[in-house]
Amino acid sequence: MAWGDAGDRLKDYQQQDLIILTNVSIKQFQEMYHLKFDNNSRVFKDTKDIDQKIVSNLLKFRNNRNSKPQEFQLKNISAKGSSQAKTVLYCIDSIKQHAEDAIVSKQKKTEKFYYTTFAYFDSISLKRNITWKREEDGEDRRIFLANAKFTDSTGSFWVTLCQGGDTVLGLSPQEAHKLQEQMREDQINQGNGANSEQPELVRQIQSRKGCGFSLRVQAKCREYEGNTTVQYTTFQAYRAPSELDPNCQKLNNTLLNTLRKLRIKAADD
């Protein structure tokens, strides 16, 4: 069984189709296993951008499962999960060190790495548009695509603020676009001698400075003019308590998982 918004896409595929699911969790309820899809879940059928070794192994697994189904049970797959799959927090300095070592030093340019951190919003660049309009299913939709700075006690980094931008800024993409257009219009009027006031968008951004957020960040390779750097993008942002975590249970579990990992590391050292 599958549930969640992105799960509806499974109805578009036929039996035996090879598809790739990302950011999907397995839940057990009343002796049944369920695939849970959230806003970050994705379903892919086009595998041309997927490592062909992975695709080959998936095809081999599917063929073996069809010939020997008794040897492949979902509960066996679930049982292979480890505590390392649980969400833990990483400080900004650790994220930068790990991502830069893997992507820049070890040249893992095709891989993407994901981290969860708790950081404080600092600023956002208004030199370019902070939103972008895309067409999806024949409908124009606007999303955040801004360059934002976050900090913690170990340092800071600039990320592409995408999913979760409405939580960080307290504005919808449509509202942010409208305020940025108004700010530019006011700047033109100021050049013509109009009274100058602080733009509403700037006031809203400043009001969010110092607010803390749990961030899900993706790190991937960015190559420009022969230089290899790491590009960070937000895939989720939430505050606790909030609608996503009303009782702070999600944040508490993350903190406990982080503590367990630190204890294991300390014991190994």
C-alpha atoms as a PDB file:
ATOM      1  CA  MET A   1       0.000   0.000   0.000  1.00  0.00           C
ATOM      2  CA  ALA A   2       1.141   3.549  -0.703  1.00  0.00           C
ATOM      3  CA  TRP A   3      -0.149   6.814   0.710  1.00  0.00           C
ATOM      4  CA  GLY A   4       0.755  10.476   0.398  1.00  0.00           C
ATOM      5  CA  ASP A   5       0.364  13.031  -2.409  1.00  0.00           C
ATOM      6  CA  ALA A   6       3.258  11.817  -4.557  1.00  0.00           C
ATOM      7  CA  GLY A   7       1.979   8.255  -4.241  1.00  0.00           C
ATOM      8  CA  ASP A   8      -0.781   9.051  -6.735  1.00  0.00           C
ATOM      9  CA  ARG A   9       1.820   8.948  -9.502  1.00  0.00           C
ATOM     10  CA  LEU A  10       2.188   5.198  -9.011  1.00  0.00           C
ATOM     11  CA  LYS A  11      -1.158   4.793 -10.772  1.00  0.00           C
ATOM     12  CA  ASP A  12       0.495   6.026 -13.977  1.00  0.00           C
ATOM     13  CA  TYR A  13       2.721   2.950 -14.231  1.00  0.00           C
ATOM     14  CA  GLN A  14       2.105  -0.625 -15.268  1.00  0.00           C
ATOM     15  CA  GLN A  15       3.135  -3.837 -13.573  1.00  0.00           C
ATOM     16  CA  GLN A  16       6.805  -4.717 -14.276  1.00  0.00           C
ATOM     17  CA  ASP A  17       7.705  -1.074 -15.008  1.00  0.00           C
ATOM     18  CA  LEU A  18      11.067  -0.129 -13.524  1.00  0.00           C
ATOM     19  CA  ILE A  19      10.711   3.045 -11.452  1.00  0.00           C
ATOM     20  CA  ILE A  20      12.944   4.859  -8.970  1.00  0.00           C
ATOM     21  CA  LEU A  21      11.510   6.099  -5.665  1.00  0.00           C
ATOM     22  CA  THR A  22      13.391   8.655  -3.595  1.00  0.00           C
ATOM     23  CA  ASN A  23      12.749  10.010  -0.093  1.00  0.00           C
ATOM     24  CA  VAL A  24      10.160   7.303   0.594  1.00  0.00           C
ATOM     25  CA  SER A  25       9.809   5.646   3.988  1.00  0.00           C
ATOM     26  CA  ILE A  26       8.433   2.221   4.878  1.00  0.00           C
ATOM     27  CA  LYS A  27       5.922   2.040   7.717  1.00  0.00           C
ATOM     28  CA  GLN A  28       4.400  -1.061   9.295  1.00  0.00           C
ATOM     29  CA  PHE A  29       0.772  -0.889  10.404  1.00  0.00           C
ATOM     30  CA  GLN A  30      -1.370  -3.859  11.444  1.00  0.00           C
ATOM     31  CA  GLU A  31       1.014  -6.424   9.911  1.00  0.00           C
ATOM     32  CA  MET A  32       1.063  -4.538   6.590  1.00  0.00           C
ATOM     33  CA  TYR A  33       3.860  -2.482   5.085  1.00  0.00           C
ATOM     34  CA  HIS A  34       3.099   0.908   3.629  1.00  0.00           C
ATOM     35  CA  LEU A  35       5.107   3.252   1.424  1.00  0.00           C
ATOM     36  CA  LYS A  36       4.819   6.764   2.806  1.00  0.00           C
ATOM     37  CA  PHE A  37       5.283   9.676   0.387  1.00  0.00           C
ATOM     38  CA  ASP A  38       5.806  13.242   1.592  1.00  0.00           C
ATOM     39  CA  ASN A  39       6.491  16.563  -0.165  1.00  0.00           C
ATOM     40  CA  ASN A  40      10.105  15.543  -0.851  1.00  0.00           C
ATOM     41  CA  SER A  41       9.219  12.151  -2.358  1.00  0.00           C
ATOM     42  CA  ARG A  42       9.806  11.639  -6.066  1.00  0.00           C
ATOM     43  CA  VAL A  43       8.889   8.937  -8.583  1.00  0.00           C
ATOM     44  CA  PHE A  44      11.061   8.513 -11.675  1.00  0.00           C
ATOM     45  CA  LYS A  45      10.594   6.236 -14.659  1.00  0.00           C
ATOM     46  CA  ASP A  46      13.205   7.805 -16.923  1.00  0.00           C
ATOM     47  CA  THR A  47      16.437   6.203 -15.704  1.00  0.00           C
ATOM     48  CA  LYS A  48      18.858   7.748 -18.204  1.00  0.00           C
ATOM     49  CA  ASP A  49      20.315  10.037 -15.520  1.00  0.00           C
ATOM     50  CA  ILE A  50      20.607   7.205 -12.984  1.00  0.00           C
ATOM     51  CA  ASP A  51      23.849   5.272 -12.523  1.00  0.00           C
ATOM     52  CA  GLN A  52      23.449   2.356 -14.930  1.00  0.00           C
ATOM     53  CA  LYS A  53      25.018  -0.038 -12.437  1.00  0.00           C
ATOM     54  CA  ILE A  54      22.150   0.754 -10.068  1.00  0.00           C
ATOM     55  CA  VAL A  55      19.605   0.267 -12.853  1.00  0.00           C
ATOM     56  CA  SER A  56      21.212  -3.044 -13.805  1.00  0.00           C
ATOM     57  CA  ASN A  57      21.091  -4.272 -10.212  1.00  0.00           C
ATOM     58  CA  LEU A  58      17.439  -3.247  -9.910  1.00  0.00           C
ATOM     59  CA  LEU A  59      16.560  -5.152 -13.080  1.00  0.00           C
ATOM     60  CA  LYS A  60      18.428  -8.181 -11.788  1.00  0.00           C
ATOM     61  CA  PHE A  61      16.599  -7.952  -8.472  1.00  0.00           C
ATOM     62  CA  ARG A  62      13.227  -7.684 -10.228  1.00  0.00           C
ATOM     63  CA  ASN A  63      13.921 -10.697 -12.445  1.00  0.00           C
ATOM     64  CA  ASN A  64      15.139 -12.814  -9.527  1.00  0.00           C
ATOM     65  CA  ARG A  65      12.133 -11.822  -7.458  1.00  0.00           C
ATOM     66  CA  ASN A  66       9.767 -12.890 -10.244  1.00  0.00           C
ATOM     67  CA  SER A  67      11.432 -16.310 -10.473  1.00  0.00           C
ATOM     68  CA  LYS A  68      11.901 -16.830  -6.718  1.00  0.00           C
ATOM     69  CA  PRO A  69       9.346 -14.629  -4.939  1.00  0.00           C
ATOM     70  CA  GLN A  70       9.552 -16.626  -1.705  1.00  0.00           C
ATOM     71  CA  GLU A  71      13.133 -15.430  -1.202  1.00  0.00           C
ATOM     72  CA  PHE A  72      12.293 -11.737  -1.425  1.00  0.00           C
ATOM     73  CA  GLN A  73       9.990 -10.471   1.265  1.00  0.00           C
ATOM     74  CA  LEU A  74       9.470  -6.790   2.047  1.00  0.00           C
ATOM     75  CA  LYS A  75       9.997  -7.459   5.750  1.00  0.00           C
ATOM     76  CA  ASN A  76      13.485  -8.776   4.951  1.00  0.00           C
ATOM     77  CA  ILE A  77      14.335  -5.579   3.097  1.00  0.00           C
ATOM     78  CA  SER A  78      13.026  -3.473   5.975  1.00  0.00           C
ATOM     79  CA  ALA A  79      15.013  -5.483   8.499  1.00  0.00           C
ATOM     80  CA  LYS A  80      18.246  -4.521   6.799  1.00  0.00           C
ATOM     81  CA  GLY A  81      17.819  -0.903   7.827  1.00  0.00           C
ATOM     82  CA  SER A  82      20.339   0.475  10.297  1.00  0.00           C
ATOM     83  CA  SER A  83      20.411   3.271  12.813  1.00  0.00           C
ATOM     84  CA  GLN A  84      22.508   5.242  10.348  1.00  0.00           C
ATOM     85  CA  ALA A  85      19.351   5.821   8.295  1.00  0.00           C
ATOM     86  CA  LYS A  86      17.829   7.803  11.144  1.00  0.00           C
ATOM     87  CA  THR A  87      17.936  11.566  10.969  1.00  0.00           C
ATOM     88  CA  VAL A  88      20.811  13.172  12.833  1.00  0.00           C
ATOM     89  CA  LEU A  89      21.918  16.793  13.020  1.00  0.00           C
ATOM     90  CA  TYR A  90      25.150  18.040  11.501  1.00  0.00           C
ATOM     91  CA  CYS A  91      26.704  21.412  12.236  1.00  0.00           C
ATOM     92  CA  ILE A  92      27.453  23.669   9.273  1.00  0.00           C
ATOM     93  CA  ASP A  93      31.200  23.189   9.592  1.00  0.00           C
ATOM     94  CA  SER A  94      30.813  19.368   9.442  1.00  0.00           C
ATOM     95  CA  ILE A  95      28.536  19.637   6.409  1.00  0.00           C
ATOM     96  CA  LYS A  96      31.001  21.811   4.524  1.00  0.00           C
ATOM     97  CA  GLN A  97      33.969  19.618   5.422  1.00  0.00           C
ATOM     98  CA  HIS A  98      32.249  16.376   4.398  1.00  0.00           C
ATOM     99  CA  ALA A  99      30.681  17.747   1.204  1.00  0.00           C
ATOM    100  CA  GLU A 100      33.832  19.511   0.012  1.00  0.00           C
ATOM    101  CA  ASP A 101      35.983  16.480   0.783  1.00  0.00           C
ATOM    102  CA  ALA A 102      33.655  14.124  -1.101  1.00  0.00           C
ATOM    103  CA  ILE A 103      32.783  16.339  -4.066  1.00  0.00           C
ATOM    104  CA  VAL A 104      35.882  18.492  -4.550  1.00  0.00           C
ATOM    105  CA  SER A 105      38.743  16.408  -3.131  1.00  0.00           C
ATOM    106  CA  LYS A 106      37.509  12.916  -4.019  1.00  0.00           C
ATOM    107  CA  GLN A 107      35.855  14.083  -7.245  1.00  0.00           C
ATOM    108  CA  LYS A 108      32.460  12.467  -6.594  1.00  0.00           C
ATOM    109  CA  LYS A 109      30.898  14.943  -8.978  1.00  0.00           C
ATOM    110  CA  THR A 110      27.839  12.896  -9.908  1.00  0.00           C
ATOM    111  CA  GLU A 111      26.763  12.088  -6.347  1.00  0.00           C
ATOM    112  CA  LYS A 112      24.427  14.097  -4.151  1.00  0.00           C
ATOM    113  CA  PHE A 113      24.659  14.233  -0.382  1.00  0.00           C
ATOM    114  CA  TYR A 114      21.916  15.101   2.097  1.00  0.00           C
ATOM    115  CA  TYR A 115      22.243  16.594   5.570  1.00  0.00           C
ATOM    116  CA  THR A 116      19.957  17.795   8.330  1.00  0.00           C
ATOM    117  CA  THR A 117      21.034  20.778  10.376  1.00  0.00           C
ATOM    118  CA  PHE A 118      19.617  23.351  12.753  1.00  0.00           C
ATOM    119  CA  ALA A 119      20.726  26.841  11.745  1.00  0.00           C
ATOM    120  CA  TYR A 120      19.726  30.482  12.057  1.00  0.00           C
ATOM    121  CA  PHE A 121      18.627  32.611   9.142  1.00  0.00           C
ATOM    122  CA  ASP A 122      20.985  35.530   8.562  1.00  0.00           C
ATOM    123  CA  SER A 123      20.340  37.266   5.254  1.00  0.00           C
ATOM    124  CA  ILE A 124      19.254  36.880   1.653  1.00  0.00           C
ATOM    125  CA  SER A 125      20.584  38.398  -1.559  1.00  0.00           C
ATOM    126  CA  LEU A 126      18.150  40.727  -3.335  1.00  0.00           C
ATOM    127  CA  LYS A 127      20.412  41.437  -6.304  1.00  0.00           C
ATOM    128  CA  ARG A 128      18.502  38.871  -8.349  1.00  0.00           C
ATOM    129  CA  ASN A 129      14.966  37.519  -8.344  1.00  0.00           C
ATOM    130  CA  ILE A 130      14.289  35.470  -5.230  1.00  0.00           C
ATOM    131  CA  THR A 131      11.482  33.534  -6.932  1.00  0.00           C
ATOM    132  CA  TRP A 132      11.145  31.746 -10.241  1.00  0.00           C
ATOM    133  CA  LYS A 133       8.043  30.962 -12.275  1.00  0.00           C
ATOM    134  CA  ARG A 134       7.768  27.495 -13.722  1.00  0.00           C
ATOM    135  CA  GLU A 135       5.039  25.805 -15.715  1.00  0.00           C
ATOM    136  CA  GLU A 136       3.748  22.521 -14.316  1.00  0.00           C
ATOM    137  CA  ASP A 137       0.838  20.560 -15.764  1.00  0.00           C
ATOM    138  CA  GLY A 138      -0.104  23.580 -17.872  1.00  0.00           C
ATOM    139  CA  GLU A 139      -0.252  25.813 -14.819  1.00  0.00           C
ATOM    140  CA  ASP A 140       2.152  28.582 -13.912  1.00  0.00           C
ATOM    141  CA  ARG A 141       3.638  28.088 -10.469  1.00  0.00           C
ATOM    142  CA  ARG A 142       6.124  30.260  -8.643  1.00  0.00           C
ATOM    143  CA  ILE A 143       8.751  28.809  -6.343  1.00  0.00           C
ATOM    144  CA  PHE A 144      11.545  30.235  -4.215  1.00  0.00           C
ATOM    145  CA  LEU A 145      14.996  30.243  -5.777  1.00  0.00           C
ATOM    146  CA  ALA A 146      17.025  32.628  -3.637  1.00  0.00           C
ATOM    147  CA  ASN A 147      20.555  32.845  -2.277  1.00  0.00           C
ATOM    148  CA  ALA A 148      20.289  32.795   1.529  1.00  0.00           C
ATOM    149  CA  LYS A 149      22.826  32.718   4.341  1.00  0.00           C
ATOM    150  CA  PHE A 150      22.460  30.552   7.456  1.00  0.00           C
ATOM    151  CA  THR A 151      24.704  30.409  10.500  1.00  0.00           C
ATOM    152  CA  ASP A 152      25.320  28.360  13.621  1.00  0.00           C
ATOM    153  CA  SER A 153      28.019  28.312  16.300  1.00  0.00           C
ATOM    154  CA  THR A 154      30.515  26.654  13.924  1.00  0.00           C
ATOM    155  CA  GLY A 155      30.206  28.935  10.918  1.00  0.00           C
ATOM    156  CA  SER A 156      27.941  29.894   8.047  1.00  0.00           C
ATOM    157  CA  PHE A 157      27.127  28.937   4.487  1.00  0.00           C
ATOM    158  CA  TRP A 158      25.133  30.226   1.542  1.00  0.00           C
ATOM    159  CA  VAL A 159      22.408  27.955   0.206  1.00  0.00           C
ATOM    160  CA  THR A 160      19.862  28.077  -2.574  1.00  0.00           C
ATOM    161  CA  LEU A 161      16.627  28.605  -0.681  1.00  0.00           C
ATOM    162  CA  CYS A 162      14.055  26.501  -2.496  1.00  0.00           C
ATOM    163  CA  GLN A 163      11.621  24.207  -0.680  1.00  0.00           C
ATOM    164  CA  GLY A 164      10.884  25.619   2.753  1.00  0.00           C
ATOM    165  CA  GLY A 165      11.412  29.202   1.634  1.00  0.00           C
ATOM    166  CA  ASP A 166       7.908  30.156   2.735  1.00  0.00           C
ATOM    167  CA  THR A 167       8.686  28.888   6.243  1.00  0.00           C
ATOM    168  CA  VAL A 168      11.991  30.755   6.445  1.00  0.00           C
ATOM    169  CA  LEU A 169      10.730  34.083   5.099  1.00  0.00           C
ATOM    170  CA  GLY A 170       7.159  33.922   6.357  1.00  0.00           C
ATOM    171  CA  LEU A 171       5.938  34.677   2.828  1.00  0.00           C
ATOM    172  CA  SER A 172       4.550  32.674  -0.047  1.00  0.00           C
ATOM    173  CA  PRO A 173       6.537  32.804  -3.329  1.00  0.00           C
ATOM    174  CA  GLN A 174       3.748  34.881  -4.852  1.00  0.00           C
ATOM    175  CA  GLU A 175       3.861  37.390  -1.977  1.00  0.00           C
ATOM    176  CA  ALA A 176       7.658  37.607  -2.117  1.00  0.00           C
ATOM    177  CA  HIS A 177       7.567  38.213  -5.890  1.00  0.00           C
ATOM    178  CA  LYS A 178       4.998  40.982  -5.497  1.00  0.00           C
ATOM    179  CA  LEU A 179       7.011  42.693  -2.756  1.00  0.00           C
ATOM    180  CA  GLN A 180      10.240  42.479  -4.760  1.00  0.00           C
ATOM    181  CA  GLU A 181       8.560  44.022  -7.800  1.00  0.00           C
ATOM    182  CA  GLN A 182       7.157  46.776  -5.580  1.00  0.00           C
ATOM    183  CA  MET A 183      10.620  47.385  -4.107  1.00  0.00           C
ATOM    184  CA  ARG A 184      12.114  47.830  -7.567  1.00  0.00           C
ATOM    185  CA  GLU A 185       9.360  50.195  -8.574  1.00  0.00           C
ATOM    186  CA  ASP A 186       9.925  52.246  -5.409  1.00  0.00           C
ATOM    187  CA  GLN A 187      13.655  52.399  -6.132  1.00  0.00           C
ATOM    188  CA  ILE A 188      12.910  53.879  -9.555  1.00  0.00           C
ATOM    189  CA  ASN A 189      10.576  56.418  -7.983  1.00  0.00           C
ATOM    190  CA  GLN A 190      13.223  57.357  -5.414  1.00  0.00           C
ATOM    191  CA  GLY A 191      15.573  58.140  -8.259  1.00  0.00           C
ATOM    192  CA  ASN A 192      12.969  60.586  -9.510  1.00  0.00           C
ATOM    193  CA  GLY A 193      12.885  62.411  -6.184  1.00  0.00           C
ATOM    194  CA  ALA A 194      10.180  60.474  -4.317  1.00  0.00           C
ATOM    195  CA  ASN A 195      10.379  59.997  -0.537  1.00  0.00           C
ATOM    196  CA  SER A 196      12.485  57.006   0.459  1.00  0.00           C
ATOM    197  CA  GLU A 197      11.154  54.412   2.887  1.00  0.00           C
ATOM    198  CA  GLN A 198      12.477  51.006   3.790  1.00  0.00           C
ATOM    199  CA  PRO A 199      10.850  48.453   1.441  1.00  0.00           C
ATOM    200  CA  GLU A 200       8.353  46.064   2.986  1.00  0.00           C
ATOM    201  CA  LEU A 201      10.331  43.075   1.663  1.00  0.00           C
ATOM    202  CA  VAL A 202      13.469  44.265   3.471  1.00  0.00           C
ATOM    203  CA  ARG A 203      11.532  44.757   6.704  1.00  0.00           C
ATOM    204  CA  GLN A 204      10.056  41.272   6.435  1.00  0.00           C
ATOM    205  CA  ILE A 205      13.478  39.705   5.826  1.00  0.00           C
ATOM    206  CA  GLN A 206      15.018  41.587   8.750  1.00  0.00           C
ATOM    207  CA  SER A 207      12.203  40.412  11.017  1.00  0.00           C
ATOM    208  CA  ARG A 208      13.201  36.803  10.282  1.00  0.00           C
ATOM    209  CA  LYS A 209      16.896  37.295  10.987  1.00  0.00           C
ATOM    210  CA  GLY A 210      18.039  35.138  13.898  1.00  0.00           C
ATOM    211  CA  CYS A 211      15.106  32.709  13.625  1.00  0.00           C
ATOM    212  CA  GLY A 212      16.179  29.062  13.909  1.00  0.00           C
ATOM    213  CA  PHE A 213      15.078  26.345  11.488  1.00  0.00           C
ATOM    214  CA  SER A 214      15.607  22.638  10.973  1.00  0.00           C
ATOM    215  CA  LEU A 215      16.904  22.378   7.415  1.00  0.00           C
ATOM    216  CA  ARG A 216      17.197  19.443   5.040  1.00  0.00           C
ATOM    217  CA  VAL A 217      20.035  20.370   2.666  1.00  0.00           C
ATOM    218  CA  GLN A 218      21.314  18.787  -0.528  1.00  0.00           C
ATOM    219  CA  ALA A 219      24.955  19.183  -1.569  1.00  0.00           C
ATOM    220  CA  LYS A 220      26.007  18.618  -5.166  1.00  0.00           C
ATOM    221  CA  CYS A 221      28.776  19.541  -7.562  1.00  0.00           C
ATOM    222  CA  ARG A 222      28.799  22.915  -9.314  1.00  0.00           C
ATOM    223  CA  GLU A 223      31.333  23.536 -12.067  1.00  0.00           C
ATOM    224  CA  TYR A 224      31.939  27.030 -13.406  1.00  0.00           C
ATOM    225  CA  GLU A 225      34.821  28.218 -15.584  1.00  0.00           C
ATOM    226  CA  GLY A 226      36.874  25.151 -14.726  1.00  0.00           C
ATOM    227  CA  ASN A 227      36.373  25.449 -10.964  1.00  0.00           C
ATOM    228  CA  THR A 228      34.572  22.821  -8.898  1.00  0.00           C
ATOM    229  CA  THR A 229      32.568  24.002  -5.913  1.00  0.00           C
ATOM    230  CA  VAL A 230      29.702  22.669  -3.781  1.00  0.00           C
ATOM    231  CA  GLN A 231      26.174  23.962  -4.246  1.00  0.00           C
ATOM    232  CA  TYR A 232      23.783  23.644  -1.304  1.00  0.00           C
ATOM    233  CA  THR A 233      20.002  23.627  -1.747  1.00  0.00           C
ATOM    234  CA  THR A 234      17.234  23.435   0.843  1.00  0.00           C
ATOM    235  CA  PHE A 235      14.763  20.575   0.439  1.00  0.00           C
ATOM    236  CA  GLN A 236      12.834  21.286   3.619  1.00  0.00           C
ATOM    237  CA  ALA A 237      12.670  23.806   6.428  1.00  0.00           C
ATOM    238  CA  TYR A 238      10.491  23.737   9.499  1.00  0.00           C
ATOM    239  CA  ARG A 239      10.243  25.186  12.968  1.00  0.00           C
ATOM    240  CA  ALA A 240       9.247  23.331  16.119  1.00  0.00           C
ATOM    241  CA  PRO A 241       6.554  23.510  17.228  1.00  0.00           C
ATOM    242  CA  SER A 242       4.789  23.942  13.893  1.00  0.00           C
ATOM    243  CA  GLU A 243       2.224  22.189  11.707  1.00  0.00           C
ATOM    244  CA  LEU A 244       4.931  19.782  10.541  1.00  0.00           C
ATOM    245  CA  ASP A 245       6.007  19.045  14.102  1.00  0.00           C
ATOM    246  CA  PRO A 246       3.232  20.191  16.464  1.00  0.00           C
ATOM    247  CA  ASN A 247       4.537  18.347  19.543  1.00  0.00           C
ATOM    248  CA  CYS A 248       8.244  18.746  18.722  1.00  0.00           C
ATOM    249  CA  GLN A 249       8.420  14.944  18.457  1.00  0.00           C
ATOM    250  CA  LYS A 250      10.267  15.061  15.141  1.00  0.00           C
ATOM    251  CA  LEU A 251      12.890  17.454  16.501  1.00  0.00           C
ATOM    252  CA  ASN A 252      13.246  15.495  19.744  1.00  0.00           C
ATOM    253  CA  ASN A 253      13.801  12.224  17.856  1.00  0.00           C
ATOM    254  CA  THR A 254      16.439  13.913  15.733  1.00  0.00           C
ATOM    255  CA  LEU A 255      18.231  15.206  18.815  1.00  0.00           C
ATOM    256  CA  LEU A 256      18.123  11.764  20.450  1.00  0.00           C
ATOM    257  CA  ASN A 257      19.481  10.093  17.308  1.00  0.00           C
ATOM    258  CA  THR A 258      22.267  12.678  17.193  1.00  0.00           C
ATOM    259  CA  LEU A 259      23.134  12.028  20.842  1.00  0.00           C
ATOM    260  CA  ARG A 260      23.259   8.260  20.248  1.00  0.00           C
ATOM    261  CA  LYS A 261      25.589   8.712  17.295  1.00  0.00           C
ATOM    262  CA  LEU A 262      27.889  11.005  19.287  1.00  0.00           C
ATOM    263  CA  ARG A 263      28.038   8.433  22.102  1.00  0.00           C
ATOM    264  CA  ILE A 264      28.883   5.658  19.657  1.00  0.00           C
ATOM    265  CA  LYS A 265      31.585   7.795  18.073  1.00  0.00           C
ATOM    266  CA  ALA A 266      33.018   8.709  21.490  1.00  0.00           C
ATOM    267  CA  ALA A 267      33.105   5.035  22.455  1.00  0.00           C
ATOM    268  CA  ASP A 268      34.888   4.103  19.217  1.00  0.00           C
ATOM    269  CA  ASP A 269      37.463   6.847  19.766  1.00  0.00           C
END
